[in-house]
């Protein structure tokens, strides 16, 4: 299940600015590599060393592909695409590699993974106190 909390934010753009309320995710624990290795060995015939080698090799291959400007498509898992964040300039001649702030990689889920995430029940958290966040950093209970 995906837990959410209610938050208040100040919206300053759009046709209806002002204080608005949103659902915001309550982040659970991050899954670390050790847990992934264990689950891979439990669900497959791979040994822990095989699982570690597979992930390590995949990391090296992604690095190789990204350094050569290529995107990576992993089928039902999803796609990894390179994007550039750049400073806007006034003339075509001013556009150089120096105007690139930093390249990033974005992940887009594949169809099956997306369906799995979208179909996961969303429930209001009982432990997050459902606090509203004020713009100045103070917190108030609903």
Protein backbone atom coordinates (compact mmCIF):
# COMPACT_ATOMS: atom_id res chain seq x y z
CA UNK A 1 0.00 0.00 0.00
CA UNK A 2 1.03 3.59 -0.54
CA UNK A 3 0.54 5.82 2.51
CA UNK A 4 -0.13 9.52 2.11
CA UNK A 5 -0.54 12.53 4.38
CA UNK A 6 -2.38 15.81 3.86
CA UNK A 7 -0.25 18.92 3.39
CA UNK A 8 -0.89 22.61 2.77
CA UNK A 9 1.21 24.52 0.25
CA UNK A 10 1.17 28.02 -1.11
CA UNK A 11 0.66 28.01 -4.89
CA UNK A 12 1.80 31.20 -6.63
CA UNK A 13 1.31 30.24 -10.29
CA UNK A 14 -1.66 29.14 -12.36
CA UNK A 15 -5.20 30.41 -12.68
CA UNK A 16 -6.11 29.88 -9.01
CA UNK A 17 -3.14 30.75 -6.74
CA UNK A 18 -3.30 30.67 -2.95
CA UNK A 19 -3.16 28.06 -0.21
CA UNK A 20 -3.97 24.59 -1.52
CA UNK A 21 -4.12 21.13 0.00
CA UNK A 22 -2.48 18.05 -1.46
CA UNK A 23 -1.89 14.41 -0.74
CA UNK A 24 1.85 13.79 -0.22
CA UNK A 25 3.53 10.41 0.07
CA UNK A 26 4.77 9.10 3.40
CA UNK A 27 8.12 7.61 2.48
CA UNK A 28 8.85 4.18 3.82
CA UNK A 29 12.29 2.68 4.26
CA UNK A 30 14.52 2.61 1.20
CA UNK A 31 15.23 -0.84 -0.21
CA UNK A 32 19.01 -1.30 -0.10
CA UNK A 33 21.10 -3.55 -2.34
CA UNK A 34 21.48 -6.26 0.31
CA UNK A 35 17.70 -6.73 0.42
CA UNK A 36 17.54 -6.87 -3.38
CA UNK A 37 20.32 -9.49 -3.47
CA UNK A 38 18.50 -11.57 -0.85
CA UNK A 39 15.16 -11.34 -2.67
CA UNK A 40 16.81 -12.21 -5.99
CA UNK A 41 18.38 -15.33 -4.48
CA UNK A 42 15.08 -16.30 -2.82
CA UNK A 43 13.05 -15.90 -6.04
CA UNK A 44 15.51 -17.30 -8.59
CA UNK A 45 18.22 -19.90 -8.96
CA UNK A 46 20.88 -17.17 -8.76
CA UNK A 47 23.44 -17.27 -5.98
CA UNK A 48 24.17 -14.08 -4.02
CA UNK A 49 27.40 -13.67 -6.01
CA UNK A 50 25.49 -14.08 -9.29
CA UNK A 51 22.94 -11.46 -8.21
CA UNK A 52 25.70 -9.06 -7.15
CA UNK A 53 27.52 -9.62 -10.44
CA UNK A 54 24.34 -9.02 -12.46
CA UNK A 55 23.61 -5.70 -10.73
CA UNK A 56 27.26 -4.61 -10.94
CA UNK A 57 27.40 -5.44 -14.65
CA UNK A 58 24.13 -3.62 -15.30
CA UNK A 59 25.51 -0.53 -13.52
CA UNK A 60 28.67 -0.62 -15.65
CA UNK A 61 26.65 -1.04 -18.85
CA UNK A 62 24.31 1.85 -17.98
CA UNK A 63 27.34 4.05 -17.37
CA UNK A 64 28.82 3.03 -20.73
CA UNK A 65 25.57 3.71 -22.60
CA UNK A 66 24.91 7.06 -20.90
CA UNK A 67 28.49 8.25 -21.54
CA UNK A 68 27.87 7.60 -25.24
CA UNK A 69 24.61 9.59 -25.13
CA UNK A 70 22.32 6.57 -25.45
CA UNK A 71 19.04 5.89 -23.68
CA UNK A 72 18.32 2.46 -22.17
CA UNK A 73 15.06 0.53 -22.68
CA UNK A 74 14.48 -2.43 -20.34
CA UNK A 75 11.15 -3.53 -21.82
CA UNK A 76 8.41 -4.05 -19.21
CA UNK A 77 10.64 -2.58 -16.48
CA UNK A 78 10.92 0.81 -18.17
CA UNK A 79 13.15 3.32 -19.95
CA UNK A 80 16.03 5.47 -18.76
CA UNK A 81 16.49 8.66 -20.82
CA UNK A 82 19.14 11.36 -20.66
CA UNK A 83 17.93 14.95 -20.33
CA UNK A 84 19.83 18.22 -20.26
CA UNK A 85 19.08 21.13 -17.94
CA UNK A 86 20.47 24.25 -19.56
CA UNK A 87 20.54 27.98 -19.04
CA UNK A 88 18.42 29.95 -21.52
CA UNK A 89 20.41 32.49 -23.54
CA UNK A 90 19.39 35.22 -25.97
CA UNK A 91 21.17 34.10 -29.12
CA UNK A 92 21.97 30.86 -30.91
CA UNK A 93 25.68 31.66 -30.76
CA UNK A 94 25.60 31.81 -26.95
CA UNK A 95 24.47 28.18 -26.67
CA UNK A 96 27.55 26.17 -25.70
CA UNK A 97 28.41 23.20 -23.51
CA UNK A 98 28.99 25.72 -20.71
CA UNK A 99 25.26 26.59 -20.71
CA UNK A 100 24.42 23.00 -19.74
CA UNK A 101 23.83 22.93 -15.97
CA UNK A 102 23.84 19.18 -15.54
CA UNK A 103 22.67 16.17 -17.48
CA UNK A 104 20.14 13.99 -15.68
CA UNK A 105 18.62 10.58 -16.26
CA UNK A 106 14.85 10.12 -15.99
CA UNK A 107 13.11 6.81 -15.52
CA UNK A 108 9.75 6.04 -17.12
CA UNK A 109 8.03 2.90 -15.91
CA UNK A 110 7.06 0.20 -18.38
CA UNK A 111 3.40 -0.70 -18.83
CA UNK A 112 3.30 -3.63 -16.36
CA UNK A 113 5.27 -1.82 -13.66
CA UNK A 114 3.13 1.31 -14.08
CA UNK A 115 -0.06 -0.74 -13.73
CA UNK A 116 1.29 -2.40 -10.59
CA UNK A 117 2.09 0.96 -8.98
CA UNK A 118 -1.17 2.61 -10.08
CA UNK A 119 -3.23 -0.35 -8.81
CA UNK A 120 -1.57 -0.25 -5.38
CA UNK A 121 -4.09 0.93 -2.75
CA UNK A 122 -3.54 4.47 -1.43
CA UNK A 123 -4.40 4.93 2.26
CA UNK A 124 -4.30 7.88 4.62
CA UNK A 125 -1.42 7.44 7.06
CA UNK A 126 -2.31 6.90 10.69
CA UNK A 127 1.27 7.57 11.84
CA UNK A 128 2.17 10.75 9.91
CA UNK A 129 -0.22 12.91 12.00
CA UNK A 130 -1.45 14.40 8.72
CA UNK A 131 0.13 17.76 9.43
CA UNK A 132 -0.17 20.79 7.26
CA UNK A 133 3.15 22.30 6.25
CA UNK A 134 3.25 26.06 6.47
CA UNK A 135 5.34 28.00 3.98
CA UNK A 136 7.55 29.49 6.72
CA UNK A 137 8.54 26.02 7.94
CA UNK A 138 6.28 25.85 10.98
CA UNK A 139 3.95 22.91 11.33
CA UNK A 140 0.36 22.97 12.50
CA UNK A 141 -1.96 20.08 13.25
CA UNK A 142 -5.20 19.89 11.26
